[in-house]
Protein backbone atom coordinates (compact mmCIF):
# COMPACT_ATOMS: atom_id res chain seq x y z
CA MET A 1 -8.96 -15.15 9.85
CA SER A 2 -5.49 -15.61 9.06
CA ASP A 3 -2.44 -13.16 10.21
CA GLU A 4 -2.41 -11.74 6.46
CA ALA A 5 -5.95 -10.79 6.51
CA ASN A 6 -5.35 -9.55 9.74
CA GLU A 7 -2.74 -7.35 9.61
CA ASP A 8 -4.77 -6.06 5.83
CA GLU A 9 -7.76 -5.07 8.41
CA ARG A 10 -5.75 -3.30 11.11
CA GLU A 11 -3.69 -1.45 8.05
CA SER A 12 -7.04 -0.17 6.78
CA GLU A 13 -8.32 0.78 10.51
CA GLU A 14 -4.81 2.86 10.68
CA GLU A 15 -5.59 4.93 6.97
CA LEU A 16 -8.90 5.54 8.47
CA SER A 17 -9.24 7.27 11.75
CA LEU A 18 -12.55 8.41 13.37
CA ASP A 19 -10.63 12.04 13.86
CA ASP A 20 -10.18 12.49 9.95
CA LEU A 21 -13.98 11.06 9.53
CA GLY A 22 -15.11 13.07 12.38
CA ALA A 23 -13.05 16.54 10.71
CA ALA A 24 -14.33 15.86 7.50
CA TYR A 25 -17.75 15.35 8.47
CA ALA A 26 -17.61 18.48 10.78
CA ARG A 27 -16.46 20.59 7.76
CA ALA A 28 -19.46 19.49 5.64
CA ALA A 29 -22.09 19.42 8.26
CA ALA A 30 -20.86 23.32 8.83
CA LYS A 31 -21.86 24.14 5.50
CA HIS A 32 -24.91 22.87 5.29
CA ASP A 33 -26.26 23.76 8.86
CA PRO A 34 -23.46 26.80 10.16
CA GLU A 35 -26.33 27.60 12.58
CA ALA A 36 -25.39 24.18 14.42
CA PHE A 37 -21.68 25.39 14.79
CA ARG A 38 -22.22 28.85 16.79
CA ALA A 39 -21.65 29.45 20.09
CA SER A 40 -24.42 28.97 22.30
CA GLU A 41 -25.39 31.07 25.34
CA THR A 42 -24.64 29.69 28.59
CA ASP A 43 -27.57 28.75 30.66
CA GLY A 44 -26.16 30.45 33.31
CA GLU A 45 -23.67 33.12 34.33
CA ALA A 46 -21.15 33.69 37.01
CA ASP A 47 -22.24 35.81 39.96
CA ASP A 48 -20.66 39.36 39.55
CA GLY A 49 -18.87 38.28 43.15
CA ASP A 50 -17.33 35.16 41.62
CA ALA A 51 -16.01 37.23 38.56
CA SER A 52 -12.76 37.32 39.45
CA SER A 53 -12.92 33.79 40.11
CA VAL A 54 -13.36 32.77 36.57
CA GLU A 55 -11.20 33.88 34.07
CA GLN A 56 -11.18 32.65 30.31
CA ASP A 57 -8.05 33.27 28.06
CA ASP A 58 -9.03 34.01 24.02
CA ASP A 59 -7.18 31.18 22.80
CA GLU A 60 -9.01 28.59 24.98
CA LEU A 61 -12.14 28.65 23.72
CA ILE A 62 -14.52 25.86 24.51
CA ASP A 63 -16.47 23.87 22.03
CA PRO A 64 -19.99 24.35 22.38
CA ILE A 65 -21.16 21.09 21.02
CA ALA A 66 -20.51 17.87 23.31
CA GLU A 67 -18.24 15.15 21.84
CA ASP A 68 -21.07 12.91 22.07
CA GLU A 69 -23.30 14.97 20.42
CA LEU A 70 -21.28 15.41 17.22
CA VAL A 71 -20.15 11.92 17.20
CA THR A 72 -22.96 9.57 16.60
CA PRO A 73 -23.44 6.70 14.89
CA GLU A 74 -25.25 8.36 11.99
CA ALA A 75 -22.03 10.76 12.19
CA ILE A 76 -19.86 8.35 11.28
CA ILE A 77 -21.41 6.53 8.97
CA GLU A 78 -22.01 10.01 6.98
CA GLY A 79 -18.51 10.83 7.21
CA ALA A 80 -17.18 7.37 6.64
CA LEU A 81 -19.17 7.29 2.71
CA PHE A 82 -18.40 10.91 3.01
CA VAL A 83 -14.31 11.15 2.99
CA GLY A 84 -14.80 7.65 1.03
CA HIS A 85 -12.62 4.26 1.58
CA PRO A 86 -8.37 5.01 0.97
CA GLU A 87 -8.11 1.59 -1.23
CA ASN A 88 -11.56 2.77 -3.27
CA ARG A 89 -13.53 -0.23 -1.62
CA LEU A 90 -16.83 0.30 -0.81
CA PHE A 91 -17.94 -0.10 2.69
CA THR A 92 -19.95 -2.46 4.24
CA ALA A 93 -22.04 -2.95 6.97
CA GLU A 94 -19.95 -4.98 9.14
CA ARG A 95 -16.77 -2.52 8.28
CA LEU A 96 -18.91 0.22 9.05
CA ALA A 97 -19.88 -1.05 12.21
CA SER A 98 -16.59 -2.00 13.33
CA LEU A 99 -15.60 2.12 13.18
CA MET A 100 -18.34 1.73 16.28
CA ARG A 101 -18.78 0.62 19.77
CA GLU A 102 -21.72 -1.76 20.23
CA VAL A 103 -23.15 -1.59 16.99
CA SER A 104 -24.21 -4.05 14.74
CA ALA A 105 -24.24 -4.97 11.09
CA GLN A 106 -27.88 -5.15 11.30
CA GLU A 107 -28.30 -1.85 13.20
CA VAL A 108 -25.88 -0.38 10.56
CA VAL A 109 -28.46 -1.27 7.83
CA GLU A 110 -31.19 0.04 10.09
CA LEU A 111 -29.14 3.37 10.38
CA ILE A 112 -28.87 4.01 6.81
CA GLU A 113 -32.46 3.54 6.38
CA ARG A 114 -33.31 6.14 8.74
CA LEU A 115 -30.76 8.57 7.48
CA ASN A 116 -32.18 7.77 3.90
CA GLU A 117 -35.87 8.90 5.19
CA SER A 118 -34.50 11.85 7.09
CA TYR A 119 -32.89 12.93 3.63
CA ARG A 120 -35.98 12.73 2.04
CA ASP A 121 -38.28 14.43 4.54
CA ALA A 122 -35.58 17.54 4.75
CA GLY A 123 -35.57 17.38 0.79
CA GLN A 124 -31.89 16.84 0.51
CA SER A 125 -30.17 15.62 -2.67
CA LEU A 126 -27.92 13.02 -0.55
CA ARG A 127 -28.30 9.46 -0.45
CA ILE A 128 -26.87 6.06 0.43
CA VAL A 129 -27.02 3.47 -1.89
CA GLN A 130 -26.42 -0.39 -2.22
CA HIS A 131 -23.59 -1.74 -4.64
CA ASP A 132 -21.85 -4.65 -5.10
CA GLY A 133 -22.93 -5.96 -1.40
CA GLY A 134 -21.31 -2.45 0.09
CA TYR A 135 -22.79 1.01 0.40
CA ARG A 136 -21.93 4.42 -1.09
CA MET A 137 -22.89 8.17 -0.89
CA THR A 138 -24.16 9.46 -4.10
CA ILE A 139 -27.10 12.13 -5.55
CA SER A 140 -30.92 11.76 -5.61
CA PRO A 141 -31.87 10.77 -9.66
CA ASP A 142 -34.15 13.76 -8.65
CA VAL A 143 -31.44 16.15 -9.16
CA GLU A 144 -29.23 14.15 -11.39
CA ASP A 145 -30.21 17.03 -14.22
CA VAL A 146 -28.97 19.91 -12.04
CA ARG A 147 -25.55 17.62 -11.72
CA ARG A 148 -25.16 17.18 -15.65
CA SER A 149 -26.00 20.95 -16.20
CA PHE A 150 -22.66 21.63 -14.41
CA VAL A 151 -20.38 18.74 -15.14
CA GLY A 152 -22.10 17.80 -18.22
CA LYS A 153 -22.62 14.03 -19.06
CA VAL A 154 -20.37 10.97 -17.81
CA ARG A 155 -17.99 10.29 -20.95
CA GLU A 156 -17.33 6.60 -22.03
CA ALA A 157 -13.65 6.35 -21.28
CA ARG A 158 -11.36 4.34 -23.32
CA LEU A 159 -8.54 2.14 -21.96
CA SER A 160 -4.99 2.01 -23.30
CA GLN A 161 -3.40 -0.28 -24.77
CA GLY A 162 -0.62 -0.06 -21.75
CA ALA A 163 -3.87 -0.05 -18.88
CA ILE A 164 -5.37 -3.06 -20.89
CA GLU A 165 -1.60 -5.28 -20.68
CA ALA A 166 -1.62 -3.94 -16.91
CA LEU A 167 -4.87 -5.58 -16.25
CA ALA A 168 -3.94 -8.56 -18.21
CA LEU A 169 -0.71 -8.98 -15.87
CA VAL A 170 -2.92 -8.61 -12.98
CA ALA A 171 -5.89 -10.81 -13.99
CA TYR A 172 -3.69 -13.69 -14.55
CA GLN A 173 -1.32 -13.35 -11.51
CA PRO A 174 -3.91 -11.86 -8.66
CA GLY A 175 -1.33 -10.21 -6.05
CA ILE A 176 1.39 -9.37 -7.97
CA THR A 177 3.45 -5.93 -7.27
CA ALA A 178 4.23 -3.04 -9.34
CA GLN A 179 7.81 -4.13 -9.44
CA LYS A 180 6.57 -7.18 -11.05
CA VAL A 181 4.22 -5.67 -13.38
CA GLN A 182 7.29 -2.99 -14.50
CA ASP A 183 9.45 -5.95 -14.70
CA GLN A 184 7.46 -7.83 -17.10
CA ARG A 185 6.16 -4.58 -19.38
CA GLY A 186 9.69 -3.05 -19.01
CA ARG A 187 8.68 0.71 -17.84
CA ASP A 188 7.60 2.08 -15.11
CA CYS A 189 3.60 1.18 -14.25
CA GLY A 190 3.10 3.15 -10.71
CA PRO A 191 0.97 6.00 -12.06
CA LEU A 192 -0.69 3.79 -14.48
CA LEU A 193 -1.87 1.30 -11.64
CA ASN A 194 -2.92 3.92 -9.55
CA GLN A 195 -4.98 4.92 -12.08
CA LEU A 196 -7.04 1.59 -12.43
CA VAL A 197 -7.23 1.38 -8.53
CA ARG A 198 -8.97 4.86 -8.92
CA ARG A 199 -11.38 3.93 -11.83
CA GLN A 200 -11.90 0.72 -9.66
CA LEU A 201 -10.65 -1.80 -12.02
CA LEU A 202 -8.36 -2.70 -9.45
CA HIS A 203 -7.61 -2.68 -5.96
CA LEU A 204 -4.81 -3.39 -3.85
CA VAL A 205 -3.91 -4.89 -0.20
CA ARG A 206 -0.51 -3.89 1.56
CA LYS A 207 1.22 -6.90 2.74
CA PRO A 208 4.62 -7.08 4.69
CA PRO A 209 7.43 -8.54 2.83
CA GLU A 210 8.81 -11.92 3.98
CA THR A 211 12.04 -10.58 4.95
CA GLY A 212 10.57 -7.85 6.95
CA GLY A 213 10.02 -4.46 6.67
CA LYS A 214 7.40 -2.00 4.62
CA PRO A 215 3.82 -2.97 3.38
CA VAL A 216 4.10 -3.93 -0.50
CA PRO A 217 0.86 -3.50 -2.49
CA HIS A 218 -0.52 -6.36 -4.20
CA TYR A 219 -2.85 -6.00 -7.11
CA TYR A 220 -6.07 -7.49 -7.34
CA PRO A 221 -9.08 -7.51 -10.16
CA THR A 222 -12.31 -6.14 -8.88
CA GLU A 223 -15.75 -6.91 -9.22
CA ARG A 224 -16.27 -3.95 -11.42
CA PHE A 225 -13.07 -5.33 -13.79
CA LEU A 226 -15.18 -8.89 -13.94
CA THR A 227 -18.58 -6.96 -15.36
CA LEU A 228 -16.71 -5.06 -17.74
CA PHE A 229 -15.42 -7.93 -19.16
CA GLU A 230 -18.66 -10.18 -18.99
CA LEU A 231 -17.15 -12.71 -16.76
CA GLU A 232 -17.91 -14.49 -13.84
CA SER A 233 -14.65 -15.24 -11.93
CA LEU A 234 -11.40 -15.42 -12.85
CA GLY A 235 -11.15 -18.97 -14.08
CA ASP A 236 -13.18 -17.71 -16.95
CA LEU A 237 -10.67 -16.18 -18.50
CA PRO A 238 -9.19 -16.88 -22.05
CA GLN A 239 -6.46 -20.05 -21.31
CA VAL A 240 -2.69 -18.91 -21.83
CA GLU A 241 0.42 -20.75 -22.72
CA GLU A 242 1.36 -22.37 -19.55
CA GLY A 243 5.11 -20.60 -19.97
CA LEU A 244 2.97 -17.17 -20.14
CA ARG A 245 0.93 -17.60 -17.13
CA GLY A 246 2.27 -16.43 -13.49
CA VAL A 247 5.45 -15.05 -15.42
CA THR A 248 7.63 -13.51 -12.31
């Protein structure tokens, strides 16, 4: 693995911490099963004679659930998929395994199957599905009608001319920076590129400049981009004049 790939992996891990996943999942779990998060009674109480030696400050509360009980491999997988990747990517089994100690990618696959079984047995609407080599959390098709009654049908979105221009520049120059896209279009493209990342047509990779300093986002087409434009690879793009390709 190259130094550049290692740098990208380290940055991705920094953006996605277990603390963030644990906190987000704990909030979601508390809404689903608040009883599990209520303080439980202790197995024994201090004798009256020792009561004076036991003091508890009101603002020093003890978490009723031990850390090793809350942060299980299943909880980490659910938390990661619930929060989502910071760069709108799917989580591969290998990436999920890297968030835990002594858990392999194959074990992640087995844990996901077990989670889906538990969802079905409990009558829950959540499902973890595999898509484009990765995993995402979604809702069961059984409750799709309920979802539509609240949010309506998914509408087909049209790409603006500006979005098409930005996509074309990135497709012909994978790894281009926002500044170069802006220079070539003659206008600010930051919000437009962010929108294309949210729509999973582009993904960004942060790379440090050759001169050092803060990492700069570089943009690349996604598999969804290829599917949308019915391309097997970027090599299938229509050929353009040599002077226009790779403009800097």
